[in-house]
C-alpha atoms as a PDB file:
ATOM      1  CA  MET A   1     -97.308  52.151  28.299  1.00  0.00           C
ATOM      2  CA  GLU A   2     -94.860  49.662  30.145  1.00  0.00           C
ATOM      3  CA  THR A   3     -93.028  47.203  28.024  1.00  0.00           C
ATOM      4  CA  ARG A   4     -91.432  43.899  28.818  1.00  0.00           C
ATOM      5  CA  ARG A   5     -89.588  41.219  27.165  1.00  0.00           C
ATOM      6  CA  LEU A   6     -91.372  38.127  25.329  1.00  0.00           C
ATOM      7  CA  ARG A   7     -91.088  34.928  27.613  1.00  0.00           C
ATOM      8  CA  MET A   8     -89.942  32.190  25.439  1.00  0.00           C
ATOM      9  CA  GLY A   9     -90.320  28.567  26.563  1.00  0.00           C
ATOM     10  CA  MET A  10     -88.129  26.281  24.454  1.00  0.00           C
ATOM     11  CA  VAL A  11     -88.734  22.327  23.798  1.00  0.00           C
ATOM     12  CA  GLY A  12     -85.398  20.641  22.879  1.00  0.00           C
ATOM     13  CA  GLY A  13     -82.114  22.166  23.173  1.00  0.00           C
ATOM     14  CA  GLY A  14     -80.669  20.408  26.400  1.00  0.00           C
ATOM     15  CA  ALA A  15     -77.152  19.072  27.040  1.00  0.00           C
ATOM     16  CA  GLY A  16     -75.228  18.581  23.586  1.00  0.00           C
ATOM     17  CA  SER A  17     -77.771  20.391  21.420  1.00  0.00           C
ATOM     18  CA  PHE A  18     -76.096  21.924  18.449  1.00  0.00           C
ATOM     19  CA  ILE A  19     -79.047  24.359  17.606  1.00  0.00           C
ATOM     20  CA  GLY A  20     -80.836  24.989  21.046  1.00  0.00           C
ATOM     21  CA  PRO A  21     -78.120  27.470  22.359  1.00  0.00           C
ATOM     22  CA  VAL A  22     -78.020  29.231  19.054  1.00  0.00           C
ATOM     23  CA  HIS A  23     -81.967  29.859  19.089  1.00  0.00           C
ATOM     24  CA  ARG A  24     -81.711  30.842  22.523  1.00  0.00           C
ATOM     25  CA  MET A  25     -78.717  33.370  21.833  1.00  0.00           C
ATOM     26  CA  ALA A  26     -80.803  34.625  18.558  1.00  0.00           C
ATOM     27  CA  ALA A  27     -83.629  35.125  20.314  1.00  0.00           C
ATOM     28  CA  GLU A  28     -82.104  36.979  23.132  1.00  0.00           C
ATOM     29  CA  LEU A  29     -79.769  38.971  21.035  1.00  0.00           C
ATOM     30  CA  ASP A  30     -81.896  42.281  20.618  1.00  0.00           C
ATOM     31  CA  GLY A  31     -83.004  42.128  24.565  1.00  0.00           C
ATOM     32  CA  THR A  32     -86.635  41.916  23.675  1.00  0.00           C
ATOM     33  CA  THR A  33     -86.934  38.297  24.386  1.00  0.00           C
ATOM     34  CA  GLU A  34     -85.921  36.095  27.357  1.00  0.00           C
ATOM     35  CA  LEU A  35     -86.084  32.169  27.798  1.00  0.00           C
ATOM     36  CA  VAL A  36     -88.257  31.605  30.794  1.00  0.00           C
ATOM     37  CA  ALA A  37     -88.986  27.920  30.570  1.00  0.00           C
ATOM     38  CA  GLY A  38     -88.221  24.857  28.675  1.00  0.00           C
ATOM     39  CA  ALA A  39     -88.723  21.078  28.398  1.00  0.00           C
ATOM     40  CA  PHE A  40     -85.152  20.535  27.216  1.00  0.00           C
ATOM     41  CA  SER A  41     -84.802  16.860  27.230  1.00  0.00           C
ATOM     42  CA  GLN A  42     -86.983  13.793  26.951  1.00  0.00           C
ATOM     43  CA  ASP A  43     -85.085  12.616  30.227  1.00  0.00           C
ATOM     44  CA  PRO A  44     -86.259  14.807  33.284  1.00  0.00           C
ATOM     45  CA  GLU A  45     -82.587  15.034  35.103  1.00  0.00           C
ATOM     46  CA  ARG A  46     -81.181  16.210  31.559  1.00  0.00           C
ATOM     47  CA  SER A  47     -84.075  18.618  31.375  1.00  0.00           C
ATOM     48  CA  ARG A  48     -83.697  20.094  34.795  1.00  0.00           C
ATOM     49  CA  GLN A  49     -79.767  20.315  34.462  1.00  0.00           C
ATOM     50  CA  ALA A  50     -80.286  22.254  31.128  1.00  0.00           C
ATOM     51  CA  GLY A  51     -82.651  24.485  33.201  1.00  0.00           C
ATOM     52  CA  VAL A  52     -79.804  25.221  35.456  1.00  0.00           C
ATOM     53  CA  THR A  53     -77.471  25.897  32.662  1.00  0.00           C
ATOM     54  CA  TYR A  54     -80.046  28.345  30.967  1.00  0.00           C
ATOM     55  CA  ARG A  55     -80.603  29.820  34.306  1.00  0.00           C
ATOM     56  CA  ILE A  56     -84.235  29.071  34.219  1.00  0.00           C
ATOM     57  CA  SER A  57     -86.130  28.783  37.526  1.00  0.00           C
ATOM     58  CA  PRO A  58     -86.282  25.425  38.811  1.00  0.00           C
ATOM     59  CA  ASP A  59     -90.249  25.045  38.566  1.00  0.00           C
ATOM     60  CA  ARG A  60     -89.987  25.726  35.086  1.00  0.00           C
ATOM     61  CA  ALA A  61     -87.891  23.472  33.624  1.00  0.00           C
ATOM     62  CA  TYR A  62     -90.345  20.887  32.941  1.00  0.00           C
ATOM     63  CA  THR A  63     -90.024  17.106  32.223  1.00  0.00           C
ATOM     64  CA  ASN A  64     -91.587  16.910  28.772  1.00  0.00           C
ATOM     65  CA  TYR A  65     -93.626  19.470  26.523  1.00  0.00           C
ATOM     66  CA  GLU A  66     -97.045  18.271  27.709  1.00  0.00           C
ATOM     67  CA  GLU A  67     -96.335  19.306  30.931  1.00  0.00           C
ATOM     68  CA  MET A  68     -94.856  22.430  29.894  1.00  0.00           C
ATOM     69  CA  MET A  69     -97.952  23.331  27.859  1.00  0.00           C
ATOM     70  CA  ASP A  70    -100.312  22.523  30.508  1.00  0.00           C
ATOM     71  CA  ARG A  71     -98.596  24.308  33.428  1.00  0.00           C
ATOM     72  CA  GLU A  72     -97.524  27.424  31.624  1.00  0.00           C
ATOM     73  CA  SER A  73    -101.110  27.951  30.249  1.00  0.00           C
ATOM     74  CA  LYS A  74    -102.025  28.042  33.758  1.00  0.00           C
ATOM     75  CA  ARG A  75     -99.529  30.685  35.270  1.00  0.00           C
ATOM     76  CA  LYS A  76    -100.176  34.349  35.643  1.00  0.00           C
ATOM     77  CA  ASP A  77     -97.154  35.051  33.679  1.00  0.00           C
ATOM     78  CA  PRO A  78     -96.970  32.243  31.104  1.00  0.00           C
ATOM     79  CA  ILE A  79     -94.773  32.112  28.241  1.00  0.00           C
ATOM     80  CA  ASP A  80     -95.635  33.842  24.889  1.00  0.00           C
ATOM     81  CA  PHE A  81     -94.511  31.507  22.644  1.00  0.00           C
ATOM     82  CA  VAL A  82     -92.487  28.104  22.139  1.00  0.00           C
ATOM     83  CA  CYS A  83     -89.332  27.802  20.100  1.00  0.00           C
ATOM     84  CA  ILE A  84     -89.059  24.223  18.778  1.00  0.00           C
ATOM     85  CA  VAL A  85     -85.629  23.091  18.370  1.00  0.00           C
ATOM     86  CA  THR A  86     -85.847  19.224  18.736  1.00  0.00           C
ATOM     87  CA  PRO A  87     -85.270  16.134  16.088  1.00  0.00           C
ATOM     88  CA  ASN A  88     -87.635  16.874  12.979  1.00  0.00           C
ATOM     89  CA  HIS A  89     -90.127  14.058  13.483  1.00  0.00           C
ATOM     90  CA  LEU A  90     -91.140  15.890  16.687  1.00  0.00           C
ATOM     91  CA  HIS A  91     -92.063  19.220  15.271  1.00  0.00           C
ATOM     92  CA  LEU A  92     -95.609  18.791  14.344  1.00  0.00           C
ATOM     93  CA  PRO A  93     -96.964  17.342  17.584  1.00  0.00           C
ATOM     94  CA  ILE A  94     -95.155  19.939  19.937  1.00  0.00           C
ATOM     95  CA  ALA A  95     -96.323  22.695  17.640  1.00  0.00           C
ATOM     96  CA  VAL A  96     -99.958  21.351  17.654  1.00  0.00           C
ATOM     97  CA  ALA A  97     -99.910  20.976  21.767  1.00  0.00           C
ATOM     98  CA  ALA A  98     -98.402  24.714  21.895  1.00  0.00           C
ATOM     99  CA  LEU A  99    -100.908  26.166  19.356  1.00  0.00           C
ATOM    100  CA  GLU A 100    -104.010  24.392  21.227  1.00  0.00           C
ATOM    101  CA  HIS A 101    -102.657  25.764  24.642  1.00  0.00           C
ATOM    102  CA  GLY A 102    -102.688  29.216  23.291  1.00  0.00           C
ATOM    103  CA  PHE A 103     -99.120  29.811  22.556  1.00  0.00           C
ATOM    104  CA  HIS A 104     -97.626  31.006  19.302  1.00  0.00           C
ATOM    105  CA  VAL A 105     -95.019  28.781  17.753  1.00  0.00           C
ATOM    106  CA  MET A 106     -91.450  29.676  16.409  1.00  0.00           C
ATOM    107  CA  SER A 107     -90.079  26.219  14.928  1.00  0.00           C
ATOM    108  CA  ASP A 108     -86.713  25.363  13.433  1.00  0.00           C
ATOM    109  CA  LYS A 109     -87.133  24.055  10.132  1.00  0.00           C
ATOM    110  CA  PRO A 110     -88.595  21.841   8.810  1.00  0.00           C
ATOM    111  CA  ALA A 111     -92.105  22.563   9.714  1.00  0.00           C
ATOM    112  CA  THR A 112     -93.020  18.825   9.104  1.00  0.00           C
ATOM    113  CA  ALA A 113     -92.229  16.018   7.742  1.00  0.00           C
ATOM    114  CA  ASN A 114     -94.599  15.550   4.834  1.00  0.00           C
ATOM    115  CA  LEU A 115     -97.545  17.351   3.072  1.00  0.00           C
ATOM    116  CA  LYS A 116    -100.387  15.518   5.200  1.00  0.00           C
ATOM    117  CA  GLU A 117     -98.768  16.838   8.346  1.00  0.00           C
ATOM    118  CA  ALA A 118     -98.275  20.228   6.811  1.00  0.00           C
ATOM    119  CA  GLN A 119    -101.875  20.388   6.125  1.00  0.00           C
ATOM    120  CA  THR A 120    -102.609  19.269   9.585  1.00  0.00           C
ATOM    121  CA  LEU A 121    -100.369  22.115  11.096  1.00  0.00           C
ATOM    122  CA  GLU A 122    -102.206  24.768   8.575  1.00  0.00           C
ATOM    123  CA  GLY A 123    -105.774  23.619   9.689  1.00  0.00           C
ATOM    124  CA  VAL A 124    -104.552  24.175  13.659  1.00  0.00           C
ATOM    125  CA  VAL A 125    -102.948  27.302  12.943  1.00  0.00           C
ATOM    126  CA  GLN A 126    -106.149  28.594  11.071  1.00  0.00           C
ATOM    127  CA  ARG A 127    -108.290  27.551  13.744  1.00  0.00           C
ATOM    128  CA  THR A 128    -106.499  28.878  16.723  1.00  0.00           C
ATOM    129  CA  GLY A 129    -105.436  32.216  14.711  1.00  0.00           C
ATOM    130  CA  LEU A 130    -102.361  32.080  16.642  1.00  0.00           C
ATOM    131  CA  LEU A 131     -98.920  32.936  14.794  1.00  0.00           C
ATOM    132  CA  TYR A 132     -96.576  30.375  13.615  1.00  0.00           C
ATOM    133  CA  GLY A 133     -93.025  30.667  12.371  1.00  0.00           C
ATOM    134  CA  LEU A 134     -90.375  28.763  10.829  1.00  0.00           C
ATOM    135  CA  THR A 135     -86.737  29.558  11.303  1.00  0.00           C
ATOM    136  CA  PHE A 136     -84.476  29.552   7.975  1.00  0.00           C
ATOM    137  CA  THR A 137     -81.361  30.260   9.823  1.00  0.00           C
ATOM    138  CA  TYR A 138     -78.834  30.420   7.003  1.00  0.00           C
ATOM    139  CA  THR A 139     -80.716  33.415   5.636  1.00  0.00           C
ATOM    140  CA  GLY A 140     -78.677  35.318   8.471  1.00  0.00           C
ATOM    141  CA  TYR A 141     -75.338  34.447   6.942  1.00  0.00           C
ATOM    142  CA  PRO A 142     -73.477  37.370   5.562  1.00  0.00           C
ATOM    143  CA  LEU A 143     -72.203  35.314   2.713  1.00  0.00           C
ATOM    144  CA  VAL A 144     -75.766  34.075   1.783  1.00  0.00           C
ATOM    145  CA  ARG A 145     -77.037  37.870   2.090  1.00  0.00           C
ATOM    146  CA  GLU A 146     -74.471  38.825  -0.175  1.00  0.00           C
ATOM    147  CA  ALA A 147     -74.766  35.980  -2.771  1.00  0.00           C
ATOM    148  CA  ARG A 148     -78.643  37.018  -2.622  1.00  0.00           C
ATOM    149  CA  ARG A 149     -77.756  40.655  -3.250  1.00  0.00           C
ATOM    150  CA  MET A 150     -75.540  39.613  -6.208  1.00  0.00           C
ATOM    151  CA  ALA A 151     -78.282  37.662  -7.729  1.00  0.00           C
ATOM    152  CA  ARG A 152     -80.900  39.802  -7.308  1.00  0.00           C
ATOM    153  CA  GLY A 153     -78.873  42.917  -8.840  1.00  0.00           C
ATOM    154  CA  GLY A 154     -77.867  41.004 -12.044  1.00  0.00           C
ATOM    155  CA  GLU A 155     -74.058  40.641 -10.964  1.00  0.00           C
ATOM    156  CA  LEU A 156     -73.990  37.102 -11.667  1.00  0.00           C
ATOM    157  CA  GLY A 157     -76.146  37.065 -15.135  1.00  0.00           C
ATOM    158  CA  LYS A 158     -79.075  34.993 -15.770  1.00  0.00           C
ATOM    159  CA  ILE A 159     -79.108  32.397 -13.108  1.00  0.00           C
ATOM    160  CA  ARG A 160     -79.677  28.939 -14.601  1.00  0.00           C
ATOM    161  CA  LYS A 161     -79.258  26.522 -11.723  1.00  0.00           C
ATOM    162  CA  ALA A 162     -78.058  26.856  -8.008  1.00  0.00           C
ATOM    163  CA  VAL A 163     -76.106  24.057  -6.399  1.00  0.00           C
ATOM    164  CA  VAL A 164     -75.556  24.664  -2.678  1.00  0.00           C
ATOM    165  CA  GLN A 165     -74.071  22.282  -0.108  1.00  0.00           C
ATOM    166  CA  TYR A 166     -73.752  22.729   3.668  1.00  0.00           C
ATOM    167  CA  GLN A 167     -70.913  20.673   4.871  1.00  0.00           C
ATOM    168  CA  GLN A 168     -71.125  19.057   8.331  1.00  0.00           C
ATOM    169  CA  GLY A 169     -67.482  18.331   8.763  1.00  0.00           C
ATOM    170  CA  TRP A 170     -68.093  17.175  12.480  1.00  0.00           C
ATOM    171  CA  LEU A 171     -70.023  14.090  10.682  1.00  0.00           C
ATOM    172  CA  SER A 172     -67.140  13.155   8.227  1.00  0.00           C
ATOM    173  CA  SER A 173     -66.691  10.182  10.661  1.00  0.00           C
ATOM    174  CA  SER A 174     -69.185   7.544  11.825  1.00  0.00           C
ATOM    175  CA  LEU A 175     -69.948   9.418  15.098  1.00  0.00           C
ATOM    176  CA  GLU A 176     -73.613   7.982  14.960  1.00  0.00           C
ATOM    177  CA  THR A 177     -71.884   4.529  15.746  1.00  0.00           C
ATOM    178  CA  THR A 178     -70.295   5.652  18.969  1.00  0.00           C
ATOM    179  CA  GLY A 179     -73.707   6.912  20.723  1.00  0.00           C
ATOM    180  CA  HIS A 180     -73.272  10.525  19.612  1.00  0.00           C
ATOM    181  CA  LYS A 181     -77.120  11.632  19.999  1.00  0.00           C
ATOM    182  CA  GLN A 182     -76.674  14.653  17.594  1.00  0.00           C
ATOM    183  CA  ALA A 183     -74.929  12.486  14.910  1.00  0.00           C
ATOM    184  CA  ALA A 184     -77.290   9.587  15.554  1.00  0.00           C
ATOM    185  CA  TRP A 185     -80.714  11.423  14.537  1.00  0.00           C
ATOM    186  CA  ARG A 186     -78.832  13.531  11.730  1.00  0.00           C
ATOM    187  CA  SER A 187     -77.718  10.542   9.862  1.00  0.00           C
ATOM    188  CA  ASP A 188     -80.577   8.532   9.966  1.00  0.00           C
ATOM    189  CA  PRO A 189     -82.198   8.247   6.745  1.00  0.00           C
END
């Protein structure tokens, strides 16, 4: 029986993306997955350039996620799943489009912005019968795994409260006021 790598399509992750390259590297780490298509930016030229950077065939660097879903669903070698690495407010519409075009979904967290959106997503997943996964990047960090092991093993005693912080040192200055795209959406309440 012949095996092949899973074909991943990514939405988001273009030039200047913080998490897109991380998801690509993680997906390809064990050699079972390859990034073959993407709508990497809302700007068509930036999406095309990201495709070059990621070594994607030029005809698979799409101008938007709708075009990617439509064209990939008609290919003889379509993507197997969509990886969503966009700002949070876009997760739901992209996931719904992917599922409705027959693609499984792996989304960066959060799945949605609120309960109503989560219920909408649940309904689409149930209706399509496709897989939907949500990444929790920090669970792979060695210190997080060690803390989990210690807590489960009782080494820390009875845990009454946990306070966890993830410092974003690069956001300590007001980069959002300088046109820095990543800082702008991350600091928008």
